[in-house]
């Protein structure tokens, strides 16, 4: 069984580019259009900052363990066991990870959905390769 743990990092480093672009856009909109539109952009930046802070605090201590037959997810203090047989489909999503590799959205036959972002874990590239290999073997992902 291979175990991958979350490193103690925050997502501020992942979001600084978007926050900087929002700051520049906010100043431009404020000077060219209206102060109200600039205020709306400032509120959007504040919302992104608050969501990044809350996500960063929840992830520290999470882990993923992979075996030949199961995936064990330890997220937010809860442990979940997913067998490969009960996985209905797997989707990859780049929406939450614009500057890193795709995350996996695992849907089980019971309707539960679990999101796994390999870049959040130590040896994340190894975790991503192992997940892709297992999902392709079981035909959950299209082959390359």
Protein backbone atom coordinates (compact mmCIF):
# COMPACT_ATOMS: atom_id res chain seq x y z
CA UNK A 1 0.00 0.00 0.00
CA UNK A 2 1.40 3.38 -1.01
CA UNK A 3 0.58 6.41 1.15
CA UNK A 4 0.65 10.01 -0.03
CA UNK A 5 0.22 12.83 2.51
CA UNK A 6 -0.63 16.50 2.14
CA UNK A 7 2.30 18.82 2.54
CA UNK A 8 1.84 21.78 4.83
CA UNK A 9 1.51 24.45 2.19
CA UNK A 10 -1.16 27.00 1.49
CA UNK A 11 -2.82 27.76 -1.81
CA UNK A 12 -1.87 31.43 -1.63
CA UNK A 13 1.06 30.71 -3.95
CA UNK A 14 -1.35 29.21 -6.49
CA UNK A 15 -3.70 32.20 -6.39
CA UNK A 16 -1.32 35.16 -6.33
CA UNK A 17 -1.37 35.52 -10.13
CA UNK A 18 -5.18 35.76 -10.21
CA UNK A 19 -5.23 38.20 -7.32
CA UNK A 20 -2.61 40.39 -8.99
CA UNK A 21 -4.60 40.40 -12.25
CA UNK A 22 -7.76 41.31 -10.34
CA UNK A 23 -5.91 44.17 -8.63
CA UNK A 24 -4.71 45.56 -11.95
CA UNK A 25 -8.15 45.12 -13.51
CA UNK A 26 -9.76 46.77 -10.49
CA UNK A 27 -7.56 49.86 -10.80
CA UNK A 28 -8.18 50.05 -14.55
CA UNK A 29 -11.95 49.70 -14.18
CA UNK A 30 -12.01 52.21 -11.33
CA UNK A 31 -10.11 54.81 -13.36
CA UNK A 32 -11.83 54.17 -16.72
CA UNK A 33 -15.41 53.29 -15.82
CA UNK A 34 -16.73 53.65 -12.30
CA UNK A 35 -15.84 53.22 -8.68
CA UNK A 36 -18.76 50.82 -8.18
CA UNK A 37 -17.42 48.39 -10.81
CA UNK A 38 -13.96 48.64 -9.21
CA UNK A 39 -15.54 47.86 -5.84
CA UNK A 40 -17.21 44.76 -7.32
CA UNK A 41 -13.83 43.53 -8.58
CA UNK A 42 -12.32 44.16 -5.15
CA UNK A 43 -15.08 42.05 -3.56
CA UNK A 44 -14.35 39.25 -6.04
CA UNK A 45 -10.68 39.33 -5.04
CA UNK A 46 -11.64 39.19 -1.37
CA UNK A 47 -13.90 36.19 -2.02
CA UNK A 48 -11.05 34.36 -3.81
CA UNK A 49 -8.69 35.13 -0.94
CA UNK A 50 -11.14 33.86 1.70
CA UNK A 51 -11.91 30.65 -0.21
CA UNK A 52 -8.20 29.94 -0.70
CA UNK A 53 -7.58 30.45 3.00
CA UNK A 54 -10.38 28.10 4.06
CA UNK A 55 -9.29 25.37 1.62
CA UNK A 56 -5.68 25.59 2.78
CA UNK A 57 -6.62 25.13 6.43
CA UNK A 58 -8.74 22.04 5.78
CA UNK A 59 -6.22 20.10 3.73
CA UNK A 60 -3.30 19.84 6.15
CA UNK A 61 -3.11 16.24 7.40
CA UNK A 62 -5.11 14.65 4.57
CA UNK A 63 -3.78 11.54 2.84
CA UNK A 64 -4.45 9.05 0.06
CA UNK A 65 -3.48 5.37 0.24
CA UNK A 66 -3.51 3.21 -2.88
CA UNK A 67 -3.65 -0.55 -3.05
CA UNK A 68 -4.41 -2.96 -5.88
CA UNK A 69 -8.10 -3.00 -5.00
CA UNK A 70 -8.89 0.12 -2.95
CA UNK A 71 -8.29 3.81 -2.50
CA UNK A 72 -8.40 5.12 1.07
CA UNK A 73 -9.04 8.86 1.36
CA UNK A 74 -8.38 10.67 4.62
CA UNK A 75 -9.95 14.10 4.14
CA UNK A 76 -11.09 16.62 6.75
CA UNK A 77 -10.62 14.11 9.56
CA UNK A 78 -12.79 11.47 7.89
CA UNK A 79 -11.61 8.23 6.31
CA UNK A 80 -13.31 6.87 3.20
CA UNK A 81 -12.58 3.60 1.47
CA UNK A 82 -13.39 3.26 -2.23
CA UNK A 83 -12.94 -0.04 -4.00
CA UNK A 84 -12.11 0.11 -7.68
CA UNK A 85 -15.14 -2.13 -8.31
CA UNK A 86 -17.57 0.47 -6.94
CA UNK A 87 -16.24 3.36 -9.04
CA UNK A 88 -18.83 4.39 -11.60
CA UNK A 89 -16.82 6.99 -13.51
CA UNK A 90 -13.81 9.25 -13.15
CA UNK A 91 -13.61 12.75 -14.55
CA UNK A 92 -10.55 14.94 -14.81
CA UNK A 93 -10.93 18.62 -14.10
CA UNK A 94 -8.52 21.48 -14.68
CA UNK A 95 -10.89 24.13 -13.36
CA UNK A 96 -9.58 24.20 -9.78
CA UNK A 97 -5.98 23.67 -10.87
CA UNK A 98 -5.14 26.07 -13.68
CA UNK A 99 -1.34 26.00 -13.20
CA UNK A 100 -0.97 22.34 -12.26
CA UNK A 101 -2.09 18.96 -13.52
CA UNK A 102 -5.73 17.93 -13.54
CA UNK A 103 -7.60 16.80 -10.46
CA UNK A 104 -9.76 13.68 -10.39
CA UNK A 105 -13.45 13.62 -9.55
CA UNK A 106 -14.30 10.03 -8.59
CA UNK A 107 -17.99 9.11 -8.66
CA UNK A 108 -19.05 5.86 -7.00
CA UNK A 109 -22.03 3.65 -7.75
CA UNK A 110 -23.71 4.93 -4.56
CA UNK A 111 -23.61 8.50 -5.91
CA UNK A 112 -20.80 9.81 -3.70
CA UNK A 113 -18.23 12.09 -5.32
CA UNK A 114 -14.68 12.50 -4.11
CA UNK A 115 -12.16 15.03 -5.45
CA UNK A 116 -8.45 14.19 -5.42
CA UNK A 117 -5.85 16.80 -6.44
CA UNK A 118 -2.51 14.94 -6.64
CA UNK A 119 -0.47 18.18 -6.56
CA UNK A 120 -1.54 18.75 -2.95
CA UNK A 121 0.27 15.59 -1.82
CA UNK A 122 3.94 14.78 -1.41
CA UNK A 123 5.15 12.98 -4.55
CA UNK A 124 2.07 14.29 -6.33
CA UNK A 125 3.35 13.47 -9.81
CA UNK A 126 3.90 9.85 -8.77
CA UNK A 127 0.36 9.74 -7.31
CA UNK A 128 -1.09 11.19 -10.53
CA UNK A 129 0.76 8.65 -12.69
CA UNK A 130 -0.35 5.76 -10.48
CA UNK A 131 -3.99 6.91 -10.50
CA UNK A 132 -3.98 7.42 -14.27
CA UNK A 133 -2.43 3.99 -14.79
CA UNK A 134 -5.02 2.25 -12.59
CA UNK A 135 -7.97 4.17 -14.02
CA UNK A 136 -6.87 3.43 -17.61
CA UNK A 137 -6.42 -0.27 -16.80
CA UNK A 138 -10.00 -0.40 -15.54
CA UNK A 139 -11.29 1.74 -18.46
CA UNK A 140 -12.41 4.63 -16.26
CA UNK A 141 -10.32 7.08 -18.30
CA UNK A 142 -9.87 7.12 -22.07
CA UNK A 143 -6.52 5.71 -23.16
CA UNK A 144 -3.91 8.13 -24.47
